[in-house]
PDB file of N, CA and C in Angstrom:
ATOM      1  N   MET A   1      71.582  21.140 102.784  1.00  0.00           N
ATOM      2  CA  MET A   1      72.480  22.169 102.351  1.00  0.00           C
ATOM      3  C   MET A   1      72.996  22.917 103.568  1.00  0.00           C
ATOM      4  N   ALA A   2      74.231  23.336 103.536  1.00  0.00           N
ATOM      5  CA  ALA A   2      74.837  24.107 104.618  1.00  0.00           C
ATOM      6  C   ALA A   2      75.524  25.329 104.042  1.00  0.00           C
ATOM      7  N   THR A   3      75.591  26.364 104.840  1.00  0.00           N
ATOM      8  CA  THR A   3      76.289  27.582 104.457  1.00  0.00           C
ATOM      9  C   THR A   3      77.231  27.957 105.584  1.00  0.00           C
ATOM     10  N   ALA A   4      78.487  28.172 105.260  1.00  0.00           N
ATOM     11  CA  ALA A   4      79.469  28.592 106.266  1.00  0.00           C
ATOM     12  C   ALA A   4      79.451  30.114 106.385  1.00  0.00           C
ATOM     13  N   VAL A   5      79.504  30.585 107.611  1.00  0.00           N
ATOM     14  CA  VAL A   5      79.564  32.023 107.878  1.00  0.00           C
ATOM     15  C   VAL A   5      80.673  32.289 108.877  1.00  0.00           C
ATOM     16  N   SER A   6      80.978  33.543 109.098  1.00  0.00           N
ATOM     17  CA  SER A   6      82.119  33.900 109.937  1.00  0.00           C
ATOM     18  C   SER A   6      81.866  33.720 111.431  1.00  0.00           C
ATOM     19  N   ASN A   7      80.605  33.763 111.859  1.00  0.00           N
ATOM     20  CA  ASN A   7      80.322  33.653 113.295  1.00  0.00           C
ATOM     21  C   ASN A   7      78.836  33.389 113.530  1.00  0.00           C
ATOM     22  N   GLY A   8      78.484  33.167 114.772  1.00  0.00           N
ATOM     23  CA  GLY A   8      77.105  32.867 115.129  1.00  0.00           C
ATOM     24  C   GLY A   8      76.154  34.020 114.876  1.00  0.00           C
ATOM     25  N   THR A   9      76.624  35.245 115.067  1.00  0.00           N
ATOM     26  CA  THR A   9      75.777  36.403 114.805  1.00  0.00           C
ATOM     27  C   THR A   9      75.363  36.443 113.339  1.00  0.00           C
ATOM     28  N   ALA A  10      76.316  36.203 112.452  1.00  0.00           N
ATOM     29  CA  ALA A  10      76.011  36.170 111.016  1.00  0.00           C
ATOM     30  C   ALA A  10      75.024  35.050 110.704  1.00  0.00           C
ATOM     31  N   ALA A  11      75.157  33.909 111.366  1.00  0.00           N
ATOM     32  CA  ALA A  11      74.237  32.792 111.140  1.00  0.00           C
ATOM     33  C   ALA A  11      72.821  33.155 111.573  1.00  0.00           C
ATOM     34  N   LEU A  12      72.683  33.798 112.718  1.00  0.00           N
ATOM     35  CA  LEU A  12      71.366  34.212 113.188  1.00  0.00           C
ATOM     36  C   LEU A  12      70.753  35.247 112.248  1.00  0.00           C
ATOM     37  N   HIS A  13      71.560  36.195 111.792  1.00  0.00           N
ATOM     38  CA  HIS A  13      71.100  37.219 110.857  1.00  0.00           C
ATOM     39  C   HIS A  13      70.595  36.571 109.570  1.00  0.00           C
ATOM     40  N   MET A  14      71.381  35.640 109.026  1.00  0.00           N
ATOM     41  CA  MET A  14      70.983  34.962 107.801  1.00  0.00           C
ATOM     42  C   MET A  14      69.714  34.133 107.997  1.00  0.00           C
ATOM     43  N   ALA A  15      69.572  33.507 109.144  1.00  0.00           N
ATOM     44  CA  ALA A  15      68.369  32.717 109.419  1.00  0.00           C
ATOM     45  C   ALA A  15      67.130  33.611 109.400  1.00  0.00           C
ATOM     46  N   LEU A  16      67.222  34.760 110.050  1.00  0.00           N
ATOM     47  CA  LEU A  16      66.087  35.685 110.070  1.00  0.00           C
ATOM     48  C   LEU A  16      65.755  36.183 108.666  1.00  0.00           C
ATOM     49  N   LEU A  17      66.788  36.525 107.897  1.00  0.00           N
ATOM     50  CA  LEU A  17      66.559  36.972 106.521  1.00  0.00           C
ATOM     51  C   LEU A  17      65.921  35.871 105.686  1.00  0.00           C
ATOM     52  N   ALA A  18      66.417  34.644 105.831  1.00  0.00           N
ATOM     53  CA  ALA A  18      65.893  33.519 105.050  1.00  0.00           C
ATOM     54  C   ALA A  18      64.419  33.244 105.361  1.00  0.00           C
ATOM     55  N   LEU A  19      64.011  33.522 106.582  1.00  0.00           N
ATOM     56  CA  LEU A  19      62.629  33.293 106.991  1.00  0.00           C
ATOM     57  C   LEU A  19      61.721  34.477 106.684  1.00  0.00           C
ATOM     58  N   GLY A  20      62.313  35.557 106.165  1.00  0.00           N
ATOM     59  CA  GLY A  20      61.510  36.728 105.821  1.00  0.00           C
ATOM     60  C   GLY A  20      61.063  37.537 107.016  1.00  0.00           C
ATOM     61  N   VAL A  21      61.773  37.436 108.131  1.00  0.00           N
ATOM     62  CA  VAL A  21      61.443  38.216 109.324  1.00  0.00           C
ATOM     63  C   VAL A  21      61.876  39.656 109.080  1.00  0.00           C
ATOM     64  N   GLY A  22      60.986  40.605 109.380  1.00  0.00           N
ATOM     65  CA  GLY A  22      61.320  41.996 109.119  1.00  0.00           C
ATOM     66  C   GLY A  22      60.415  42.958 109.861  1.00  0.00           C
ATOM     67  N   GLN A  23      60.303  44.151 109.291  1.00  0.00           N
ATOM     68  CA  GLN A  23      59.532  45.250 109.883  1.00  0.00           C
ATOM     69  C   GLN A  23      58.138  44.786 110.267  1.00  0.00           C
ATOM     70  N   GLY A  24      57.743  45.092 111.505  1.00  0.00           N
ATOM     71  CA  GLY A  24      56.409  44.744 111.986  1.00  0.00           C
ATOM     72  C   GLY A  24      56.302  43.376 112.629  1.00  0.00           C
ATOM     73  N   ASP A  25      57.335  42.540 112.450  1.00  0.00           N
ATOM     74  CA  ASP A  25      57.320  41.204 113.059  1.00  0.00           C
ATOM     75  C   ASP A  25      57.895  41.250 114.468  1.00  0.00           C
ATOM     76  N   GLU A  26      57.546  40.259 115.262  1.00  0.00           N
ATOM     77  CA  GLU A  26      58.125  40.063 116.585  1.00  0.00           C
ATOM     78  C   GLU A  26      58.824  38.705 116.619  1.00  0.00           C
ATOM     79  N   VAL A  27      59.936  38.657 117.342  1.00  0.00           N
ATOM     80  CA  VAL A  27      60.666  37.409 117.566  1.00  0.00           C
ATOM     81  C   VAL A  27      60.856  37.270 119.064  1.00  0.00           C
ATOM     82  N   ILE A  28      60.424  36.158 119.611  1.00  0.00           N
ATOM     83  CA  ILE A  28      60.594  35.918 121.043  1.00  0.00           C
ATOM     84  C   ILE A  28      61.995  35.388 121.277  1.00  0.00           C
ATOM     85  N   VAL A  29      62.734  36.056 122.173  1.00  0.00           N
ATOM     86  CA  VAL A  29      64.110  35.708 122.499  1.00  0.00           C
ATOM     87  C   VAL A  29      64.245  35.594 124.020  1.00  0.00           C
ATOM     88  N   PRO A  30      65.283  34.905 124.490  1.00  0.00           N
ATOM     89  CA  PRO A  30      65.453  34.793 125.933  1.00  0.00           C
ATOM     90  C   PRO A  30      65.841  36.122 126.570  1.00  0.00           C
ATOM     91  N   ALA A  31      65.337  36.353 127.766  1.00  0.00           N
ATOM     92  CA  ALA A  31      65.731  37.548 128.515  1.00  0.00           C
ATOM     93  C   ALA A  31      67.186  37.426 128.979  1.00  0.00           C
ATOM     94  N   LEU A  32      67.651  36.200 129.188  1.00  0.00           N
ATOM     95  CA  LEU A  32      69.031  35.942 129.590  1.00  0.00           C
ATOM     96  C   LEU A  32      69.757  35.370 128.379  1.00  0.00           C
ATOM     97  N   THR A  33      70.518  36.210 127.690  1.00  0.00           N
ATOM     98  CA  THR A  33      71.138  35.782 126.449  1.00  0.00           C
ATOM     99  C   THR A  33      72.317  36.676 126.096  1.00  0.00           C
ATOM    100  N   PHE A  34      73.019  36.300 125.045  1.00  0.00           N
ATOM    101  CA  PHE A  34      74.066  37.126 124.464  1.00  0.00           C
ATOM    102  C   PHE A  34      73.407  38.178 123.590  1.00  0.00           C
ATOM    103  N   VAL A  35      73.994  39.329 123.491  1.00  0.00           N
ATOM    104  CA  VAL A  35      73.408  40.468 122.787  1.00  0.00           C
ATOM    105  C   VAL A  35      73.124  40.188 121.308  1.00  0.00           C
ATOM    106  N   ALA A  36      73.804  39.232 120.692  1.00  0.00           N
ATOM    107  CA  ALA A  36      73.608  38.948 119.262  1.00  0.00           C
ATOM    108  C   ALA A  36      72.174  38.557 118.946  1.00  0.00           C
ATOM    109  N   ASP A  37      71.507  37.856 119.839  1.00  0.00           N
ATOM    110  CA  ASP A  37      70.132  37.429 119.575  1.00  0.00           C
ATOM    111  C   ASP A  37      69.215  38.634 119.391  1.00  0.00           C
ATOM    112  N   ILE A  38      69.304  39.582 120.278  1.00  0.00           N
ATOM    113  CA  ILE A  38      68.476  40.783 120.186  1.00  0.00           C
ATOM    114  C   ILE A  38      68.958  41.680 119.044  1.00  0.00           C
ATOM    115  N   ASN A  39      70.262  41.824 118.893  1.00  0.00           N
ATOM    116  CA  ASN A  39      70.797  42.678 117.829  1.00  0.00           C
ATOM    117  C   ASN A  39      70.373  42.214 116.442  1.00  0.00           C
ATOM    118  N   THR A  40      70.409  40.915 116.192  1.00  0.00           N
ATOM    119  CA  THR A  40      70.049  40.434 114.854  1.00  0.00           C
ATOM    120  C   THR A  40      68.562  40.621 114.572  1.00  0.00           C
ATOM    121  N   VAL A  41      67.731  40.470 115.594  1.00  0.00           N
ATOM    122  CA  VAL A  41      66.294  40.721 115.424  1.00  0.00           C
ATOM    123  C   VAL A  41      66.080  42.188 115.048  1.00  0.00           C
ATOM    124  N   ARG A  42      66.754  43.082 115.748  1.00  0.00           N
ATOM    125  CA  ARG A  42      66.619  44.518 115.449  1.00  0.00           C
ATOM    126  C   ARG A  42      67.230  44.869 114.096  1.00  0.00           C
ATOM    127  N   LEU A  43      68.301  44.182 113.724  1.00  0.00           N
ATOM    128  CA  LEU A  43      68.972  44.438 112.454  1.00  0.00           C
ATOM    129  C   LEU A  43      68.048  44.217 111.259  1.00  0.00           C
ATOM    130  N   VAL A  44      67.151  43.236 111.356  1.00  0.00           N
ATOM    131  CA  VAL A  44      66.223  42.978 110.252  1.00  0.00           C
ATOM    132  C   VAL A  44      64.937  43.808 110.373  1.00  0.00           C
ATOM    133  N   GLY A  45      64.862  44.665 111.380  1.00  0.00           N
ATOM    134  CA  GLY A  45      63.723  45.559 111.537  1.00  0.00           C
ATOM    135  C   GLY A  45      62.593  45.015 112.383  1.00  0.00           C
ATOM    136  N   ALA A  46      62.781  43.840 112.952  1.00  0.00           N
ATOM    137  CA  ALA A  46      61.750  43.233 113.797  1.00  0.00           C
ATOM    138  C   ALA A  46      61.937  43.673 115.250  1.00  0.00           C
ATOM    139  N   SER A  47      60.982  43.324 116.077  1.00  0.00           N
ATOM    140  CA  SER A  47      61.028  43.677 117.500  1.00  0.00           C
ATOM    141  C   SER A  47      61.293  42.435 118.342  1.00  0.00           C
ATOM    142  N   PRO A  48      62.328  42.492 119.202  1.00  0.00           N
ATOM    143  CA  PRO A  48      62.551  41.375 120.121  1.00  0.00           C
ATOM    144  C   PRO A  48      61.560  41.440 121.283  1.00  0.00           C
ATOM    145  N   VAL A  49      61.056  40.283 121.675  1.00  0.00           N
ATOM    146  CA  VAL A  49      60.164  40.162 122.828  1.00  0.00           C
ATOM    147  C   VAL A  49      60.846  39.200 123.788  1.00  0.00           C
ATOM    148  N   LEU A  50      61.083  39.637 125.007  1.00  0.00           N
ATOM    149  CA  LEU A  50      61.855  38.844 125.965  1.00  0.00           C
ATOM    150  C   LEU A  50      60.986  37.862 126.736  1.00  0.00           C
ATOM    151  N   ALA A  51      61.408  36.600 126.733  1.00  0.00           N
ATOM    152  CA  ALA A  51      60.754  35.563 127.535  1.00  0.00           C
ATOM    153  C   ALA A  51      61.695  35.181 128.672  1.00  0.00           C
ATOM    154  N   ASP A  52      61.133  34.959 129.824  1.00  0.00           N
ATOM    155  CA  ASP A  52      61.927  34.684 131.024  1.00  0.00           C
ATOM    156  C   ASP A  52      62.421  33.236 131.054  1.00  0.00           C
ATOM    157  N   CYS A  53      63.384  33.010 131.949  1.00  0.00           N
ATOM    158  CA  CYS A  53      63.907  31.653 132.124  1.00  0.00           C
ATOM    159  C   CYS A  53      62.926  30.837 132.968  1.00  0.00           C
ATOM    160  N   THR A  54      63.129  29.533 132.947  1.00  0.00           N
ATOM    161  CA  THR A  54      62.212  28.617 133.618  1.00  0.00           C
ATOM    162  C   THR A  54      62.270  28.752 135.140  1.00  0.00           C
ATOM    163  N   SER A  55      63.497  28.781 135.692  1.00  0.00           N
ATOM    164  CA  SER A  55      63.641  28.863 137.149  1.00  0.00           C
ATOM    165  C   SER A  55      65.072  29.234 137.493  1.00  0.00           C
ATOM    166  N   LEU A  56      65.359  29.338 138.769  1.00  0.00           N
ATOM    167  CA  LEU A  56      66.729  29.591 139.213  1.00  0.00           C
ATOM    168  C   LEU A  56      67.635  28.400 138.931  1.00  0.00           C
ATOM    169  N   ASP A  57      67.048  27.219 138.744  1.00  0.00           N
ATOM    170  CA  ASP A  57      67.817  26.022 138.448  1.00  0.00           C
ATOM    171  C   ASP A  57      67.901  25.722 136.957  1.00  0.00           C
ATOM    172  N   ASP A  58      67.020  26.321 136.165  1.00  0.00           N
ATOM    173  CA  ASP A  58      66.997  26.113 134.715  1.00  0.00           C
ATOM    174  C   ASP A  58      66.911  27.478 134.042  1.00  0.00           C
ATOM    175  N   TRP A  59      68.039  27.942 133.523  1.00  0.00           N
ATOM    176  CA  TRP A  59      68.116  29.295 132.961  1.00  0.00           C
ATOM    177  C   TRP A  59      67.684  29.365 131.499  1.00  0.00           C
ATOM    178  N   ASN A  60      67.160  28.286 130.963  1.00  0.00           N
ATOM    179  CA  ASN A  60      66.646  28.295 129.597  1.00  0.00           C
ATOM    180  C   ASN A  60      65.245  28.904 129.559  1.00  0.00           C
ATOM    181  N   MET A  61      64.826  29.272 128.342  1.00  0.00           N
ATOM    182  CA  MET A  61      63.515  29.900 128.170  1.00  0.00           C
ATOM    183  C   MET A  61      62.391  28.986 128.653  1.00  0.00           C
ATOM    184  N   ASP A  62      61.456  29.587 129.333  1.00  0.00           N
ATOM    185  CA  ASP A  62      60.292  28.882 129.860  1.00  0.00           C
ATOM    186  C   ASP A  62      59.241  28.748 128.751  1.00  0.00           C
ATOM    187  N   PRO A  63      58.898  27.526 128.337  1.00  0.00           N
ATOM    188  CA  PRO A  63      57.886  27.361 127.292  1.00  0.00           C
ATOM    189  C   PRO A  63      56.554  28.045 127.636  1.00  0.00           C
ATOM    190  N   ASP A  64      56.183  28.054 128.905  1.00  0.00           N
ATOM    191  CA  ASP A  64      54.937  28.707 129.304  1.00  0.00           C
ATOM    192  C   ASP A  64      55.019  30.219 129.115  1.00  0.00           C
ATOM    193  N   ASP A  65      56.182  30.806 129.417  1.00  0.00           N
ATOM    194  CA  ASP A  65      56.337  32.249 129.219  1.00  0.00           C
ATOM    195  C   ASP A  65      56.392  32.587 127.732  1.00  0.00           C
ATOM    196  N   ILE A  66      57.010  31.713 126.935  1.00  0.00           N
ATOM    197  CA  ILE A  66      56.997  31.917 125.485  1.00  0.00           C
ATOM    198  C   ILE A  66      55.543  31.990 125.014  1.00  0.00           C
ATOM    199  N   ALA A  67      54.719  31.043 125.452  1.00  0.00           N
ATOM    200  CA  ALA A  67      53.305  31.001 125.045  1.00  0.00           C
ATOM    201  C   ALA A  67      52.578  32.286 125.432  1.00  0.00           C
ATOM    202  N   ARG A  68      52.884  32.810 126.617  1.00  0.00           N
ATOM    203  CA  ARG A  68      52.233  34.049 127.073  1.00  0.00           C
ATOM    204  C   ARG A  68      52.635  35.256 126.224  1.00  0.00           C
ATOM    205  N   LYS A  69      53.824  35.220 125.630  1.00  0.00           N
ATOM    206  CA  LYS A  69      54.338  36.368 124.882  1.00  0.00           C
ATOM    207  C   LYS A  69      53.928  36.378 123.410  1.00  0.00           C
ATOM    208  N   ILE A  70      53.314  35.323 122.927  1.00  0.00           N
ATOM    209  CA  ILE A  70      52.931  35.245 121.512  1.00  0.00           C
ATOM    210  C   ILE A  70      51.767  36.184 121.225  1.00  0.00           C
ATOM    211  N   THR A  71      51.931  36.969 120.150  1.00  0.00           N
ATOM    212  CA  THR A  71      50.881  37.876 119.678  1.00  0.00           C
ATOM    213  C   THR A  71      50.660  37.601 118.185  1.00  0.00           C
ATOM    214  N   PRO A  72      49.685  38.244 117.579  1.00  0.00           N
ATOM    215  CA  PRO A  72      49.508  38.080 116.128  1.00  0.00           C
ATOM    216  C   PRO A  72      50.732  38.536 115.312  1.00  0.00           C
ATOM    217  N   LYS A  73      51.602  39.355 115.890  1.00  0.00           N
ATOM    218  CA  LYS A  73      52.797  39.831 115.190  1.00  0.00           C
ATOM    219  C   LYS A  73      53.985  38.876 115.320  1.00  0.00           C
ATOM    220  N   THR A  74      53.889  37.888 116.197  1.00  0.00           N
ATOM    221  CA  THR A  74      54.994  36.966 116.422  1.00  0.00           C
ATOM    222  C   THR A  74      55.204  36.096 115.193  1.00  0.00           C
ATOM    223  N   LYS A  75      56.449  36.076 114.701  1.00  0.00           N
ATOM    224  CA  LYS A  75      56.770  35.273 113.522  1.00  0.00           C
ATOM    225  C   LYS A  75      57.713  34.127 113.862  1.00  0.00           C
ATOM    226  N   ALA A  76      58.517  34.286 114.926  1.00  0.00           N
ATOM    227  CA  ALA A  76      59.516  33.265 115.246  1.00  0.00           C
ATOM    228  C   ALA A  76      59.850  33.266 116.728  1.00  0.00           C
ATOM    229  N   VAL A  77      60.426  32.156 117.146  1.00  0.00           N
ATOM    230  CA  VAL A  77      60.992  32.013 118.490  1.00  0.00           C
ATOM    231  C   VAL A  77      62.459  31.665 118.293  1.00  0.00           C
ATOM    232  N   MET A  78      63.335  32.416 118.954  1.00  0.00           N
ATOM    233  CA  MET A  78      64.778  32.159 118.894  1.00  0.00           C
ATOM    234  C   MET A  78      65.211  31.691 120.279  1.00  0.00           C
ATOM    235  N   ILE A  79      65.588  30.430 120.376  1.00  0.00           N
ATOM    236  CA  ILE A  79      65.975  29.895 121.686  1.00  0.00           C
ATOM    237  C   ILE A  79      67.502  29.814 121.790  1.00  0.00           C
ATOM    238  N   VAL A  80      67.974  29.801 123.018  1.00  0.00           N
ATOM    239  CA  VAL A  80      69.395  29.635 123.314  1.00  0.00           C
ATOM    240  C   VAL A  80      69.523  28.516 124.333  1.00  0.00           C
ATOM    241  N   HIS A  81      70.334  27.529 124.017  1.00  0.00           N
ATOM    242  CA  HIS A  81      70.604  26.437 124.963  1.00  0.00           C
ATOM    243  C   HIS A  81      71.671  26.948 125.926  1.00  0.00           C
ATOM    244  N   TYR A  82      71.253  27.466 127.059  1.00  0.00           N
ATOM    245  CA  TYR A  82      72.129  28.226 127.949  1.00  0.00           C
ATOM    246  C   TYR A  82      73.065  27.325 128.761  1.00  0.00           C
ATOM    247  N   GLY A  83      74.321  27.682 128.772  1.00  0.00           N
ATOM    248  CA  GLY A  83      75.314  27.025 129.615  1.00  0.00           C
ATOM    249  C   GLY A  83      75.531  25.553 129.320  1.00  0.00           C
ATOM    250  N   GLY A  84      75.243  25.139 128.097  1.00  0.00           N
ATOM    251  CA  GLY A  84      75.429  23.745 127.734  1.00  0.00           C
ATOM    252  C   GLY A  84      74.244  22.864 128.047  1.00  0.00           C
ATOM    253  N   TYR A  85      73.171  23.458 128.554  1.00  0.00           N
ATOM    254  CA  TYR A  85      71.979  22.688 128.891  1.00  0.00           C
ATOM    255  C   TYR A  85      70.890  22.942 127.855  1.00  0.00           C
ATOM    256  N   PRO A  86      70.379  21.894 127.227  1.00  0.00           N
ATOM    257  CA  PRO A  86      69.362  22.093 126.193  1.00  0.00           C
ATOM    258  C   PRO A  86      68.027  22.554 126.775  1.00  0.00           C
ATOM    259  N   CYS A  87      67.338  23.369 125.976  1.00  0.00           N
ATOM    260  CA  CYS A  87      65.985  23.804 126.332  1.00  0.00           C
ATOM    261  C   CYS A  87      65.028  22.619 126.281  1.00  0.00           C
ATOM    262  N   ASP A  88      63.837  22.838 126.767  1.00  0.00           N
ATOM    263  CA  ASP A  88      62.768  21.837 126.672  1.00  0.00           C
ATOM    264  C   ASP A  88      62.250  21.862 125.236  1.00  0.00           C
ATOM    265  N   MET A  89      62.997  21.230 124.338  1.00  0.00           N
ATOM    266  CA  MET A  89      62.694  21.322 122.910  1.00  0.00           C
ATOM    267  C   MET A  89      61.367  20.667 122.544  1.00  0.00           C
ATOM    268  N   ALA A  90      60.985  19.621 123.228  1.00  0.00           N
ATOM    269  CA  ALA A  90      59.701  18.975 122.915  1.00  0.00           C
ATOM    270  C   ALA A  90      58.560  19.967 123.105  1.00  0.00           C
ATOM    271  N   ALA A  91      58.559  20.672 124.221  1.00  0.00           N
ATOM    272  CA  ALA A  91      57.494  21.643 124.505  1.00  0.00           C
ATOM    273  C   ALA A  91      57.569  22.838 123.562  1.00  0.00           C
ATOM    274  N   ILE A  92      58.778  23.322 123.286  1.00  0.00           N
ATOM    275  CA  ILE A  92      58.923  24.499 122.432  1.00  0.00           C
ATOM    276  C   ILE A  92      58.584  24.166 120.978  1.00  0.00           C
ATOM    277  N   GLU A  93      59.028  23.011 120.496  1.00  0.00           N
ATOM    278  CA  GLU A  93      58.676  22.604 119.135  1.00  0.00           C
ATOM    279  C   GLU A  93      57.162  22.431 118.991  1.00  0.00           C
ATOM    280  N   LYS A  94      56.524  21.818 119.967  1.00  0.00           N
ATOM    281  CA  LYS A  94      55.066  21.623 119.936  1.00  0.00           C
ATOM    282  C   LYS A  94      54.363  22.981 119.884  1.00  0.00           C
ATOM    283  N   LEU A  95      54.787  23.902 120.710  1.00  0.00           N
ATOM    284  CA  LEU A  95      54.200  25.237 120.746  1.00  0.00           C
ATOM    285  C   LEU A  95      54.354  25.942 119.397  1.00  0.00           C
ATOM    286  N   CYS A  96      55.544  25.872 118.807  1.00  0.00           N
ATOM    287  CA  CYS A  96      55.784  26.526 117.517  1.00  0.00           C
ATOM    288  C   CYS A  96      54.951  25.892 116.404  1.00  0.00           C
ATOM    289  N   ARG A  97      54.800  24.589 116.445  1.00  0.00           N
ATOM    290  CA  ARG A  97      53.944  23.922 115.447  1.00  0.00           C
ATOM    291  C   ARG A  97      52.485  24.375 115.584  1.00  0.00           C
ATOM    292  N   GLU A  98      52.007  24.373 116.821  1.00  0.00           N
ATOM    293  CA  GLU A  98      50.605  24.745 117.077  1.00  0.00           C
ATOM    294  C   GLU A  98      50.315  26.193 116.686  1.00  0.00           C
ATOM    295  N   ARG A  99      51.289  27.070 116.882  1.00  0.00           N
ATOM    296  CA  ARG A  99      51.086  28.501 116.620  1.00  0.00           C
ATOM    297  C   ARG A  99      51.633  28.937 115.264  1.00  0.00           C
ATOM    298  N   ASP A 100      52.133  27.974 114.465  1.00  0.00           N
ATOM    299  CA  ASP A 100      52.648  28.249 113.127  1.00  0.00           C
ATOM    300  C   ASP A 100      53.784  29.281 113.164  1.00  0.00           C
ATOM    301  N   LEU A 101      54.762  29.035 114.045  1.00  0.00           N
ATOM    302  CA  LEU A 101      55.911  29.931 114.208  1.00  0.00           C
ATOM    303  C   LEU A 101      57.190  29.245 113.770  1.00  0.00           C
ATOM    304  N   TYR A 102      58.123  30.028 113.255  1.00  0.00           N
ATOM    305  CA  TYR A 102      59.450  29.511 112.959  1.00  0.00           C
ATOM    306  C   TYR A 102      60.213  29.342 114.268  1.00  0.00           C
ATOM    307  N   LEU A 103      61.127  28.375 114.287  1.00  0.00           N
ATOM    308  CA  LEU A 103      61.967  28.131 115.452  1.00  0.00           C
ATOM    309  C   LEU A 103      63.425  28.216 115.029  1.00  0.00           C
ATOM    310  N   ILE A 104      64.167  29.108 115.655  1.00  0.00           N
ATOM    311  CA  ILE A 104      65.588  29.278 115.384  1.00  0.00           C
ATOM    312  C   ILE A 104      66.344  28.899 116.654  1.00  0.00           C
ATOM    313  N   GLU A 105      67.288  27.969 116.526  1.00  0.00           N
ATOM    314  CA  GLU A 105      68.086  27.540 117.674  1.00  0.00           C
ATOM    315  C   GLU A 105      69.460  28.187 117.625  1.00  0.00           C
ATOM    316  N   ASP A 106      69.818  28.859 118.709  1.00  0.00           N
ATOM    317  CA  ASP A 106      71.158  29.403 118.884  1.00  0.00           C
ATOM    318  C   ASP A 106      71.850  28.495 119.892  1.00  0.00           C
ATOM    319  N   ALA A 107      72.710  27.614 119.388  1.00  0.00           N
ATOM    320  CA  ALA A 107      73.397  26.649 120.257  1.00  0.00           C
ATOM    321  C   ALA A 107      74.856  27.031 120.504  1.00  0.00           C
ATOM    322  N   ALA A 108      75.198  28.294 120.250  1.00  0.00           N
ATOM    323  CA  ALA A 108      76.583  28.738 120.435  1.00  0.00           C
ATOM    324  C   ALA A 108      77.037  28.610 121.893  1.00  0.00           C
ATOM    325  N   HIS A 109      76.098  28.661 122.819  1.00  0.00           N
ATOM    326  CA  HIS A 109      76.429  28.589 124.241  1.00  0.00           C
ATOM    327  C   HIS A 109      76.434  27.153 124.746  1.00  0.00           C
ATOM    328  N   ALA A 110      76.230  26.209 123.831  1.00  0.00           N
ATOM    329  CA  ALA A 110      76.101  24.811 124.230  1.00  0.00           C
ATOM    330  C   ALA A 110      77.034  23.916 123.422  1.00  0.00           C
ATOM    331  N   VAL A 111      78.234  24.375 123.214  1.00  0.00           N
ATOM    332  CA  VAL A 111      79.191  23.625 122.396  1.00  0.00           C
ATOM    333  C   VAL A 111      79.334  22.204 122.927  1.00  0.00           C
ATOM    334  N   GLY A 112      79.176  21.247 122.005  1.00  0.00           N
ATOM    335  CA  GLY A 112      79.339  19.848 122.371  1.00  0.00           C
ATOM    336  C   GLY A 112      78.134  19.206 123.022  1.00  0.00           C
ATOM    337  N   ARG A 113      77.102  19.966 123.278  1.00  0.00           N
ATOM    338  CA  ARG A 113      75.943  19.427 123.986  1.00  0.00           C
ATOM    339  C   ARG A 113      74.721  19.220 123.097  1.00  0.00           C
ATOM    340  N   VAL A 114      74.467  20.155 122.188  1.00  0.00           N
ATOM    341  CA  VAL A 114      73.279  20.084 121.335  1.00  0.00           C
ATOM    342  C   VAL A 114      73.661  20.416 119.909  1.00  0.00           C
ATOM    343  N   ARG A 115      72.671  20.422 119.032  1.00  0.00           N
ATOM    344  CA  ARG A 115      72.913  20.720 117.630  1.00  0.00           C
ATOM    345  C   ARG A 115      73.557  22.087 117.449  1.00  0.00           C
ATOM    346  N   ARG A 116      74.164  22.270 116.270  1.00  0.00           N
ATOM    347  CA  ARG A 116      74.754  23.552 115.901  1.00  0.00           C
ATOM    348  C   ARG A 116      73.649  24.596 115.766  1.00  0.00           C
ATOM    349  N   THR A 117      74.025  25.875 115.628  1.00  0.00           N
ATOM    350  CA  THR A 117      73.036  26.916 115.379  1.00  0.00           C
ATOM    351  C   THR A 117      72.327  26.587 114.083  1.00  0.00           C
ATOM    352  N   GLU A 118      71.033  26.539 114.105  1.00  0.00           N
ATOM    353  CA  GLU A 118      70.292  26.158 112.905  1.00  0.00           C
ATOM    354  C   GLU A 118      68.915  26.773 112.918  1.00  0.00           C
ATOM    355  N   MET A 119      68.314  26.795 111.751  1.00  0.00           N
ATOM    356  CA  MET A 119      66.920  27.171 111.666  1.00  0.00           C
ATOM    357  C   MET A 119      66.184  25.994 111.059  1.00  0.00           C
ATOM    358  N   ARG A 120      64.993  25.765 111.545  1.00  0.00           N
ATOM    359  CA  ARG A 120      64.188  24.668 111.017  1.00  0.00           C
ATOM    360  C   ARG A 120      62.762  25.145 110.863  1.00  0.00           C
ATOM    361  N   ASP A 121      62.166  24.837 109.754  1.00  0.00           N
ATOM    362  CA  ASP A 121      60.751  25.098 109.568  1.00  0.00           C
ATOM    363  C   ASP A 121      60.020  23.851 110.029  1.00  0.00           C
ATOM    364  N   ILE A 122      59.492  23.882 111.240  1.00  0.00           N
ATOM    365  CA  ILE A 122      58.857  22.692 111.810  1.00  0.00           C
ATOM    366  C   ILE A 122      57.351  22.731 111.651  1.00  0.00           C
ATOM    367  N   ARG A 123      56.874  23.705 110.893  1.00  0.00           N
ATOM    368  CA  ARG A 123      55.415  23.842 110.739  1.00  0.00           C
ATOM    369  C   ARG A 123      54.818  22.751 109.930  1.00  0.00           C
TER     370      ARG A 123
END
C-alpha cells in the first residue's frame, strides 16, 4: 500500500505517527541533516537524539555512533542517505533488528540513488 503526500516532511510525520512515536520516546537522527527530520520528531512530542557522521569522507550516520546513542527510550532510527550516497544499511538494519527499533529512511537527499522515503518494520 502507498500513500501520496505533499512533501517529504509530511511523509516523515506520517511515518512517526503510524509507528506510534510520541511523548517520552527518542528517535535517533543524523547530526548533519535537513531540519525536517528533527522538526517531525519534535512535532509528535518525541526527542531527537543526534548521531554523528561516519567520517569526513562519509557524511552518513555512523552505525557505531547510533549504537552508542540507544537508550531504553529509543523507539526509532531515522536515517538520511546524504548527498546521494546510501548509508551502511546492512549494519543499521542489523542494529535495529537486534535492538527492536523501527527504521525510517529519509531518501529525499538521494534522488535516483536509493529507495524513496519509507518506513519499514524490520523487527
